[in-house]
Each structure stands twice: as C-alpha cells, then as structure tokens.
Amino acid sequence: MGCMESTCGALIGAVMVAGILTEGRGTPAVARALVRSFEQRCGATICKELKGVSTGVPLCPCPECVRNAVLALGDVLPDAVKE
C-alpha cells in the first residue's frame, strides 16, 4: 500500500472487511476465495502488476480495483456468512 510492491490495498481492505463481517470464522478460506475472485477480475493481485509499472500497460486502474474488491466480497460473503 503506497509503494506498489505488494498486495493491492483494495484487496487487503476486502479481506479485513470479510474478517469483521464473519467475526473471524474461516478467515483464511474466505481470504483465499477473495484473492481468487479478485485476481480473476483484475488479472493480478500485486499493485505494480495491476498498474503496469514494468510493462507500461495497466491491467486494472485503482477505481476498478476497488470496485472489483467489492464485487469479490459480494461473491464470497454470502457463502462465508452461512458457515
């Protein structure tokens, strides 16, 4: 977050929200599902890859990463809350 060397901040935020909403139940499995859904939507999970730092071609701009993180939550949370 901020240095573009690690996981997208929007994805990190989504995992944190999921942990709160599920009261920590099954957080590792929920996190894995969120990462898979986000990566399918965006093409990567690492910020510099999403921004196209080395290629000059962004895979997903920040506003779309935030949108896709929210959509990933929508994909994963209904199943996680049932557990």
Protein backbone atom coordinates (compact mmCIF):
# COMPACT_ATOMS: atom_id res chain seq x y z
CA MET A 1 0.00 0.00 0.00
CA GLY A 2 1.65 3.12 -1.25
CA CYS A 3 4.87 1.53 -2.52
CA MET A 4 3.27 -0.72 -5.17
CA GLU A 5 5.45 -3.68 -4.18
CA SER A 6 2.82 -5.83 -2.52
CA THR A 7 -0.84 -6.82 -2.45
CA CYS A 8 -3.38 -4.30 -3.68
CA GLY A 9 -4.74 -2.19 -0.82
CA ALA A 10 -8.31 -2.63 -2.04
CA LEU A 11 -7.93 -6.40 -1.78
CA ILE A 12 -6.39 -6.10 1.68
CA GLY A 13 -9.33 -3.95 2.73
CA ALA A 14 -11.79 -6.51 1.38
CA VAL A 15 -10.13 -9.27 3.40
CA MET A 16 -10.28 -7.10 6.52
CA VAL A 17 -13.98 -6.37 5.99
CA ALA A 18 -14.69 -10.06 5.46
CA GLY A 19 -12.91 -10.88 8.71
CA ILE A 20 -15.05 -8.38 10.59
CA LEU A 21 -18.34 -9.44 8.99
CA THR A 22 -17.70 -13.13 9.57
CA GLU A 23 -16.35 -12.50 13.07
CA GLY A 24 -13.17 -14.28 12.02
CA ARG A 25 -14.85 -17.59 11.21
CA GLY A 26 -12.92 -19.28 8.44
CA THR A 27 -10.95 -16.16 7.58
CA PRO A 28 -8.10 -17.99 5.76
CA ALA A 29 -10.56 -19.78 3.45
CA VAL A 30 -12.55 -16.58 2.90
CA ALA A 31 -9.33 -14.70 2.14
CA ARG A 32 -8.27 -17.33 -0.42
CA ALA A 33 -11.66 -17.10 -2.13
CA LEU A 34 -11.46 -13.30 -2.20
CA VAL A 35 -7.97 -13.40 -3.70
CA ARG A 36 -9.12 -15.84 -6.41
CA SER A 37 -12.18 -13.77 -7.29
CA PHE A 38 -10.20 -10.50 -7.32
CA GLU A 39 -7.43 -11.99 -9.46
CA GLN A 40 -9.95 -13.34 -11.98
CA ARG A 41 -11.50 -9.88 -12.28
CA CYS A 42 -8.28 -7.84 -12.32
CA GLY A 43 -5.62 -10.16 -13.72
CA ALA A 44 -3.25 -9.85 -10.74
CA THR A 45 -3.13 -9.07 -7.02
CA ILE A 46 0.18 -7.19 -6.80
CA CYS A 47 -0.15 -3.44 -7.16
CA LYS A 48 2.77 -2.82 -9.54
CA GLU A 49 1.46 -5.56 -11.86
CA LEU A 50 -2.05 -4.06 -11.73
CA LYS A 51 -0.61 -0.62 -12.53
CA GLY A 52 1.62 -1.94 -15.32
CA VAL A 53 4.78 -0.45 -13.83
CA SER A 54 7.17 -2.64 -15.85
CA THR A 55 5.00 -3.02 -18.97
CA GLY A 56 3.52 0.46 -19.25
CA VAL A 57 0.12 -1.17 -19.74
CA PRO A 58 -2.11 -1.14 -16.66
CA LEU A 59 -4.18 -4.25 -16.05
CA CYS A 60 -6.64 -2.50 -13.75
CA PRO A 61 -6.76 1.14 -12.57
CA CYS A 62 -7.28 1.88 -8.86
CA PRO A 63 -11.01 2.71 -9.08
CA GLU A 64 -11.63 -0.60 -10.86
CA CYS A 65 -9.56 -2.47 -8.27
CA VAL A 66 -11.76 -1.01 -5.53
CA ARG A 67 -14.89 -1.91 -7.50
CA ASN A 68 -13.62 -5.44 -8.12
CA ALA A 69 -12.70 -5.91 -4.45
CA VAL A 70 -16.27 -5.01 -3.50
CA LEU A 71 -17.65 -7.36 -6.15
CA ALA A 72 -15.36 -10.14 -4.87
CA LEU A 73 -16.78 -9.58 -1.39
CA GLY A 74 -20.25 -9.98 -2.86
CA ASP A 75 -19.16 -13.25 -4.45
CA VAL A 76 -17.65 -14.70 -1.30
CA LEU A 77 -19.51 -13.34 1.70
CA PRO A 78 -22.92 -14.95 1.21
CA ASP A 79 -21.29 -18.38 1.46
CA ALA A 80 -18.98 -17.35 4.32
CA VAL A 81 -21.80 -15.90 6.43
CA LYS A 82 -23.79 -19.17 6.21
CA GLU A 83 -20.96 -21.12 7.86
